[in-house]
Amino acid sequence: MSDFIKVEWTDLKNNVRQLEKLETNINNKLEQIMLECALILESEIKTVITDMKLVDTGYMRMNIHSTVRSLISEVLGIVYSNTEYIKYLEEGTKNEDGSTRIKAFKFLQKAYFRAKPKISKHMKRRFKQIGMI
């Protein structure tokens, strides 16, 4: 003979609604934190561009933006630019004979390594504020 445990759950719809609200609040806070982190990187990129004297008209610096993209299981802070030539300044270009046409400045890489500790510190502080760590 098997024993059964009877569990009664009242107000299931309200409990589900509360859990969904909690999930939405957590996602909203996570998106806010990731945007803040992307803005830190954006600021660092603009600083590096200026420090390296890659600013001519200011068009590239003016067209660097931050946003957040939520996917199924992750939230991404994204820094992007809609200027086509930014990749050529970052990676450089070569002529057909293999000689350098445009020097690779690696300013995005420099900005990332300068911003990484700031972003890490900011994330830890913000996660502590909302009780996630």
N, C-alpha and C. Protein backbone atom coordinates (compact mmCIF):
# COMPACT_ATOMS: atom_id res chain seq x y z
N MET A 1 0.83 -1.18 0.00
CA MET A 1 0.00 0.00 0.00
C MET A 1 0.88 1.24 0.00
N SER A 2 0.54 2.23 -0.79
CA SER A 2 1.35 3.44 -0.85
C SER A 2 0.67 4.57 -0.10
N ASP A 3 1.50 5.43 0.46
CA ASP A 3 0.99 6.58 1.19
C ASP A 3 0.98 7.78 0.26
N PHE A 4 -0.03 8.58 0.35
CA PHE A 4 -0.13 9.80 -0.44
C PHE A 4 -0.12 10.99 0.49
N ILE A 5 0.48 12.04 -0.02
CA ILE A 5 0.46 13.29 0.72
C ILE A 5 -0.46 14.22 -0.03
N LYS A 6 -1.38 14.78 0.67
CA LYS A 6 -2.34 15.68 0.05
C LYS A 6 -1.87 17.11 0.31
N VAL A 7 -1.69 17.85 -0.78
CA VAL A 7 -1.27 19.25 -0.68
C VAL A 7 -2.38 20.09 -1.28
N GLU A 8 -2.75 21.11 -0.57
CA GLU A 8 -3.78 22.01 -1.07
C GLU A 8 -3.16 23.39 -1.24
N TRP A 9 -3.31 23.96 -2.41
CA TRP A 9 -2.73 25.27 -2.72
C TRP A 9 -3.88 26.20 -3.05
N THR A 10 -4.02 27.21 -2.22
CA THR A 10 -5.11 28.15 -2.46
C THR A 10 -4.56 29.38 -3.15
N ASP A 11 -5.38 30.01 -3.91
CA ASP A 11 -5.06 31.26 -4.60
C ASP A 11 -3.84 31.12 -5.51
N LEU A 12 -3.82 30.08 -6.32
CA LEU A 12 -2.71 29.79 -7.21
C LEU A 12 -2.48 30.92 -8.22
N LYS A 13 -3.55 31.47 -8.76
CA LYS A 13 -3.41 32.55 -9.75
C LYS A 13 -2.70 33.77 -9.15
N ASN A 14 -3.02 34.11 -7.92
CA ASN A 14 -2.38 35.24 -7.27
C ASN A 14 -0.89 34.96 -7.03
N ASN A 15 -0.56 33.73 -6.63
CA ASN A 15 0.85 33.37 -6.41
C ASN A 15 1.63 33.43 -7.72
N VAL A 16 1.06 32.95 -8.78
CA VAL A 16 1.71 33.01 -10.09
C VAL A 16 1.91 34.46 -10.50
N ARG A 17 0.92 35.28 -10.29
CA ARG A 17 1.01 36.71 -10.62
C ARG A 17 2.13 37.39 -9.83
N GLN A 18 2.25 37.05 -8.55
CA GLN A 18 3.32 37.62 -7.72
C GLN A 18 4.70 37.19 -8.20
N LEU A 19 4.83 35.93 -8.59
CA LEU A 19 6.11 35.44 -9.11
C LEU A 19 6.46 36.11 -10.44
N GLU A 20 5.48 36.30 -11.29
CA GLU A 20 5.71 36.98 -12.57
C GLU A 20 6.12 38.44 -12.35
N LYS A 21 5.50 39.08 -11.36
CA LYS A 21 5.86 40.46 -11.03
C LYS A 21 7.30 40.54 -10.51
N LEU A 22 7.67 39.59 -9.67
CA LEU A 22 9.03 39.53 -9.14
C LEU A 22 10.03 39.31 -10.27
N GLU A 23 9.71 38.42 -11.19
CA GLU A 23 10.59 38.16 -12.33
C GLU A 23 10.75 39.42 -13.19
N THR A 24 9.67 40.14 -13.43
CA THR A 24 9.72 41.37 -14.20
C THR A 24 10.58 42.42 -13.51
N ASN A 25 10.42 42.56 -12.19
CA ASN A 25 11.22 43.52 -11.43
C ASN A 25 12.72 43.19 -11.50
N ILE A 26 13.05 41.92 -11.38
CA ILE A 26 14.45 41.50 -11.45
C ILE A 26 15.00 41.78 -12.85
N ASN A 27 14.25 41.45 -13.88
CA ASN A 27 14.69 41.70 -15.26
C ASN A 27 14.88 43.19 -15.51
N ASN A 28 13.97 44.01 -15.01
CA ASN A 28 14.09 45.46 -15.20
C ASN A 28 15.34 46.00 -14.51
N LYS A 29 15.61 45.53 -13.30
CA LYS A 29 16.80 45.98 -12.58
C LYS A 29 18.07 45.50 -13.28
N LEU A 30 18.06 44.28 -13.77
CA LEU A 30 19.22 43.75 -14.48
C LEU A 30 19.47 44.54 -15.77
N GLU A 31 18.42 44.87 -16.49
CA GLU A 31 18.56 45.68 -17.70
C GLU A 31 19.13 47.06 -17.37
N GLN A 32 18.67 47.64 -16.28
CA GLN A 32 19.17 48.96 -15.87
C GLN A 32 20.66 48.88 -15.54
N ILE A 33 21.07 47.85 -14.81
CA ILE A 33 22.48 47.69 -14.45
C ILE A 33 23.33 47.46 -15.69
N MET A 34 22.86 46.65 -16.62
CA MET A 34 23.63 46.39 -17.84
C MET A 34 23.74 47.64 -18.70
N LEU A 35 22.71 48.47 -18.72
CA LEU A 35 22.81 49.73 -19.45
C LEU A 35 23.85 50.64 -18.79
N GLU A 36 23.84 50.70 -17.48
CA GLU A 36 24.83 51.51 -16.76
C GLU A 36 26.25 51.04 -17.09
N CYS A 37 26.45 49.74 -17.16
CA CYS A 37 27.77 49.19 -17.49
C CYS A 37 28.15 49.52 -18.94
N ALA A 38 27.20 49.42 -19.85
CA ALA A 38 27.47 49.77 -21.24
C ALA A 38 27.83 51.25 -21.36
N LEU A 39 27.18 52.09 -20.57
CA LEU A 39 27.48 53.53 -20.59
C LEU A 39 28.89 53.81 -20.06
N ILE A 40 29.35 53.01 -19.11
CA ILE A 40 30.73 53.15 -18.62
C ILE A 40 31.70 52.85 -19.77
N LEU A 41 31.45 51.77 -20.50
CA LEU A 41 32.30 51.41 -21.63
C LEU A 41 32.22 52.47 -22.73
N GLU A 42 31.02 52.94 -23.01
CA GLU A 42 30.84 53.99 -24.02
C GLU A 42 31.67 55.21 -23.68
N SER A 43 31.61 55.64 -22.45
CA SER A 43 32.37 56.80 -21.99
C SER A 43 33.87 56.57 -22.15
N GLU A 44 34.32 55.38 -21.81
CA GLU A 44 35.74 55.05 -21.93
C GLU A 44 36.19 55.04 -23.39
N ILE A 45 35.36 54.53 -24.28
CA ILE A 45 35.68 54.53 -25.71
C ILE A 45 35.85 55.97 -26.20
N LYS A 46 34.92 56.83 -25.82
CA LYS A 46 34.99 58.23 -26.25
C LYS A 46 36.24 58.91 -25.69
N THR A 47 36.62 58.57 -24.46
CA THR A 47 37.83 59.13 -23.87
C THR A 47 39.08 58.66 -24.62
N VAL A 48 39.14 57.37 -24.93
CA VAL A 48 40.29 56.82 -25.64
C VAL A 48 40.40 57.42 -27.04
N ILE A 49 39.27 57.57 -27.72
CA ILE A 49 39.28 58.18 -29.05
C ILE A 49 39.87 59.58 -28.98
N THR A 50 39.48 60.33 -27.98
CA THR A 50 39.99 61.69 -27.81
C THR A 50 41.47 61.67 -27.44
N ASP A 51 41.86 60.82 -26.48
CA ASP A 51 43.25 60.73 -26.04
C ASP A 51 44.19 60.34 -27.18
N MET A 52 43.71 59.46 -28.07
CA MET A 52 44.54 58.99 -29.18
C MET A 52 44.49 59.95 -30.37
N LYS A 53 43.75 61.03 -30.21
CA LYS A 53 43.61 62.04 -31.26
C LYS A 53 43.02 61.46 -32.55
N LEU A 54 42.03 60.58 -32.38
CA LEU A 54 41.32 60.01 -33.53
C LEU A 54 40.09 60.84 -33.87
N VAL A 55 39.92 61.97 -33.18
CA VAL A 55 38.78 62.84 -33.41
C VAL A 55 39.17 63.89 -34.43
N ASP A 56 38.44 63.91 -35.51
CA ASP A 56 38.65 64.93 -36.53
C ASP A 56 37.45 65.88 -36.50
N THR A 57 36.32 65.37 -36.92
CA THR A 57 35.10 66.20 -36.90
C THR A 57 34.23 65.89 -35.69
N GLY A 58 34.49 64.77 -35.03
CA GLY A 58 33.67 64.35 -33.89
C GLY A 58 32.52 63.46 -34.27
N TYR A 59 32.39 63.16 -35.57
CA TYR A 59 31.26 62.35 -36.06
C TYR A 59 31.27 60.95 -35.45
N MET A 60 32.44 60.31 -35.42
CA MET A 60 32.52 58.95 -34.88
C MET A 60 32.17 58.94 -33.39
N ARG A 61 32.76 59.85 -32.64
CA ARG A 61 32.50 59.92 -31.19
C ARG A 61 31.03 60.19 -30.91
N MET A 62 30.44 61.04 -31.75
CA MET A 62 29.04 61.41 -31.57
C MET A 62 28.10 60.24 -31.90
N ASN A 63 28.60 59.28 -32.67
CA ASN A 63 27.76 58.16 -33.09
C ASN A 63 28.11 56.85 -32.40
N ILE A 64 28.53 56.94 -31.17
CA ILE A 64 28.73 55.75 -30.34
C ILE A 64 27.63 55.76 -29.30
N HIS A 65 26.88 54.68 -29.23
CA HIS A 65 25.69 54.62 -28.38
C HIS A 65 25.66 53.33 -27.56
N SER A 66 24.86 53.34 -26.52
CA SER A 66 24.68 52.17 -25.66
C SER A 66 23.22 51.77 -25.62
N THR A 67 23.00 50.47 -25.50
CA THR A 67 21.65 49.95 -25.38
C THR A 67 21.70 48.62 -24.64
N VAL A 68 20.55 48.05 -24.39
CA VAL A 68 20.44 46.75 -23.73
C VAL A 68 19.60 45.85 -24.63
N ARG A 69 20.03 44.61 -24.74
CA ARG A 69 19.27 43.63 -25.52
C ARG A 69 19.00 42.45 -24.61
N SER A 70 17.72 42.12 -24.46
CA SER A 70 17.33 40.96 -23.65
C SER A 70 17.03 39.80 -24.58
N LEU A 71 17.74 38.71 -24.35
CA LEU A 71 17.50 37.49 -25.10
C LEU A 71 16.81 36.51 -24.17
N ILE A 72 16.64 35.30 -24.59
CA ILE A 72 15.89 34.32 -23.80
C ILE A 72 16.48 34.13 -22.41
N SER A 73 17.79 33.92 -22.33
CA SER A 73 18.38 33.62 -21.02
C SER A 73 19.48 34.59 -20.61
N GLU A 74 19.59 35.71 -21.30
CA GLU A 74 20.65 36.65 -20.94
C GLU A 74 20.25 38.08 -21.28
N VAL A 75 20.89 38.99 -20.58
CA VAL A 75 20.70 40.42 -20.82
C VAL A 75 22.07 40.98 -21.18
N LEU A 76 22.16 41.64 -22.32
CA LEU A 76 23.43 42.14 -22.81
C LEU A 76 23.44 43.67 -22.83
N GLY A 77 24.50 44.24 -22.31
CA GLY A 77 24.75 45.66 -22.48
C GLY A 77 25.57 45.81 -23.75
N ILE A 78 25.13 46.63 -24.67
CA ILE A 78 25.77 46.73 -25.98
C ILE A 78 26.18 48.17 -26.25
N VAL A 79 27.42 48.32 -26.72
CA VAL A 79 27.91 49.61 -27.17
C VAL A 79 28.14 49.45 -28.67
N TYR A 80 27.61 50.36 -29.47
CA TYR A 80 27.70 50.22 -30.92
C TYR A 80 27.87 51.58 -31.57
N SER A 81 28.23 51.54 -32.84
CA SER A 81 28.35 52.75 -33.64
C SER A 81 27.77 52.46 -35.02
N ASN A 82 27.13 53.44 -35.60
CA ASN A 82 26.61 53.27 -36.94
C ASN A 82 27.53 53.88 -37.99
N THR A 83 28.77 54.22 -37.60
CA THR A 83 29.74 54.71 -38.57
C THR A 83 30.48 53.51 -39.16
N GLU A 84 30.61 53.48 -40.47
CA GLU A 84 31.23 52.34 -41.14
C GLU A 84 32.72 52.27 -40.90
N TYR A 85 33.40 53.40 -40.80
CA TYR A 85 34.86 53.39 -40.77
C TYR A 85 35.44 53.09 -39.39
N ILE A 86 34.61 52.94 -38.39
CA ILE A 86 35.12 52.66 -37.05
C ILE A 86 35.89 51.33 -37.03
N LYS A 87 35.41 50.34 -37.78
CA LYS A 87 36.09 49.04 -37.79
C LYS A 87 37.46 49.13 -38.46
N TYR A 88 37.61 50.03 -39.44
CA TYR A 88 38.90 50.19 -40.10
C TYR A 88 39.92 50.84 -39.18
N LEU A 89 39.47 51.77 -38.36
CA LEU A 89 40.37 52.38 -37.39
C LEU A 89 40.75 51.39 -36.29
N GLU A 90 39.82 50.53 -35.92
CA GLU A 90 40.10 49.54 -34.89
C GLU A 90 41.04 48.44 -35.41
N GLU A 91 40.72 47.87 -36.56
CA GLU A 91 41.43 46.70 -37.06
C GLU A 91 42.51 47.04 -38.08
N GLY A 92 42.44 48.22 -38.69
CA GLY A 92 43.38 48.59 -39.74
C GLY A 92 43.01 47.92 -41.05
N THR A 93 43.70 48.33 -42.10
CA THR A 93 43.49 47.72 -43.42
C THR A 93 44.85 47.52 -44.08
N LYS A 94 44.88 46.62 -45.05
CA LYS A 94 46.11 46.31 -45.79
C LYS A 94 45.87 46.55 -47.28
N ASN A 95 46.94 46.92 -47.97
CA ASN A 95 46.93 47.00 -49.43
C ASN A 95 47.05 45.60 -50.00
N GLU A 96 46.88 45.47 -51.30
CA GLU A 96 46.97 44.16 -51.93
C GLU A 96 48.34 43.52 -51.74
N ASP A 97 49.37 44.33 -51.64
CA ASP A 97 50.72 43.78 -51.46
C ASP A 97 51.02 43.44 -50.00
N GLY A 98 50.06 43.64 -49.11
CA GLY A 98 50.23 43.29 -47.71
C GLY A 98 50.72 44.43 -46.84
N SER A 99 51.05 45.54 -47.43
CA SER A 99 51.51 46.68 -46.65
C SER A 99 50.32 47.35 -45.96
N THR A 100 50.62 48.05 -44.88
CA THR A 100 49.57 48.70 -44.11
C THR A 100 49.02 49.90 -44.85
N ARG A 101 47.71 49.93 -44.98
CA ARG A 101 47.04 51.08 -45.59
C ARG A 101 46.56 52.03 -44.51
N ILE A 102 45.80 51.46 -43.56
CA ILE A 102 45.34 52.21 -42.39
C ILE A 102 45.84 51.46 -41.16
N LYS A 103 46.52 52.16 -40.30
CA LYS A 103 47.06 51.57 -39.07
C LYS A 103 45.92 51.11 -38.17
N ALA A 104 46.10 49.95 -37.51
CA ALA A 104 45.13 49.45 -36.53
C ALA A 104 45.41 50.16 -35.20
N PHE A 105 44.44 50.93 -34.73
CA PHE A 105 44.62 51.68 -33.49
C PHE A 105 44.19 50.91 -32.25
N LYS A 106 43.35 49.88 -32.42
CA LYS A 106 42.89 49.04 -31.30
C LYS A 106 42.32 49.86 -30.15
N PHE A 107 41.64 50.95 -30.46
CA PHE A 107 41.09 51.82 -29.41
C PHE A 107 39.94 51.17 -28.66
N LEU A 108 39.17 50.30 -29.32
CA LEU A 108 38.08 49.61 -28.62
C LEU A 108 38.64 48.63 -27.60
N GLN A 109 39.67 47.94 -28.01
CA GLN A 109 40.33 47.00 -27.10
C GLN A 109 40.93 47.74 -25.90
N LYS A 110 41.59 48.86 -26.15
CA LYS A 110 42.17 49.65 -25.06
C LYS A 110 41.08 50.14 -24.10
N ALA A 111 40.00 50.63 -24.68
CA ALA A 111 38.89 51.13 -23.86
C ALA A 111 38.29 50.00 -23.03
N TYR A 112 38.14 48.83 -23.63
CA TYR A 112 37.57 47.69 -22.91
C TYR A 112 38.43 47.33 -21.69
N PHE A 113 39.73 47.23 -21.88
CA PHE A 113 40.61 46.85 -20.77
C PHE A 113 40.68 47.94 -19.70
N ARG A 114 40.53 49.19 -20.10
CA ARG A 114 40.50 50.26 -19.10
C ARG A 114 39.18 50.28 -18.34
N ALA A 115 38.09 49.95 -19.02
CA ALA A 115 36.75 50.00 -18.41
C ALA A 115 36.40 48.75 -17.62
N LYS A 116 37.03 47.64 -17.93
CA LYS A 116 36.67 46.35 -17.32
C LYS A 116 36.65 46.39 -15.79
N PRO A 117 37.70 46.92 -15.11
CA PRO A 117 37.62 46.96 -13.63
C PRO A 117 36.52 47.89 -13.13
N LYS A 118 36.29 48.99 -13.83
CA LYS A 118 35.22 49.92 -13.43
C LYS A 118 33.86 49.25 -13.55
N ILE A 119 33.68 48.52 -14.64
CA ILE A 119 32.40 47.83 -14.87
C ILE A 119 32.20 46.74 -13.82
N SER A 120 33.22 45.98 -13.55
CA SER A 120 33.13 44.90 -12.55
C SER A 120 32.78 45.47 -11.18
N LYS A 121 33.45 46.53 -10.78
CA LYS A 121 33.17 47.17 -9.49
C LYS A 121 31.74 47.72 -9.44
N HIS A 122 31.31 48.34 -10.53
CA HIS A 122 29.96 48.90 -10.59
C HIS A 122 28.92 47.78 -10.47
N MET A 123 29.13 46.68 -11.20
CA MET A 123 28.17 45.57 -11.15
C MET A 123 28.06 44.99 -9.75
N LYS A 124 29.18 44.78 -9.10
CA LYS A 124 29.16 44.22 -7.74
C LYS A 124 28.42 45.14 -6.79
N ARG A 125 28.70 46.45 -6.90
CA ARG A 125 28.05 47.42 -6.01
C ARG A 125 26.54 47.43 -6.25
N ARG A 126 26.13 47.43 -7.52
CA ARG A 126 24.70 47.48 -7.84
C ARG A 126 23.99 46.19 -7.45
N PHE A 127 24.64 45.04 -7.66
CA PHE A 127 24.02 43.78 -7.27
C PHE A 127 23.85 43.70 -5.75
N LYS A 128 24.80 44.24 -5.01
CA LYS A 128 24.66 44.28 -3.55
C LYS A 128 23.49 45.18 -3.16
N GLN A 129 23.34 46.31 -3.86
CA GLN A 129 22.25 47.25 -3.54
C GLN A 129 20.88 46.59 -3.68
N ILE A 130 20.73 45.75 -4.68
CA ILE A 130 19.41 45.13 -4.90
C ILE A 130 19.30 43.75 -4.27
N GLY A 131 20.35 43.33 -3.53
CA GLY A 131 20.29 42.09 -2.79
C GLY A 131 20.50 40.84 -3.61
N MET A 132 21.19 40.96 -4.74
CA MET A 132 21.43 39.77 -5.57
C MET A 132 22.73 39.06 -5.17
N ILE A 133 23.59 39.73 -4.40
CA ILE A 133 24.79 39.05 -3.89
C ILE A 133 24.97 39.46 -2.43
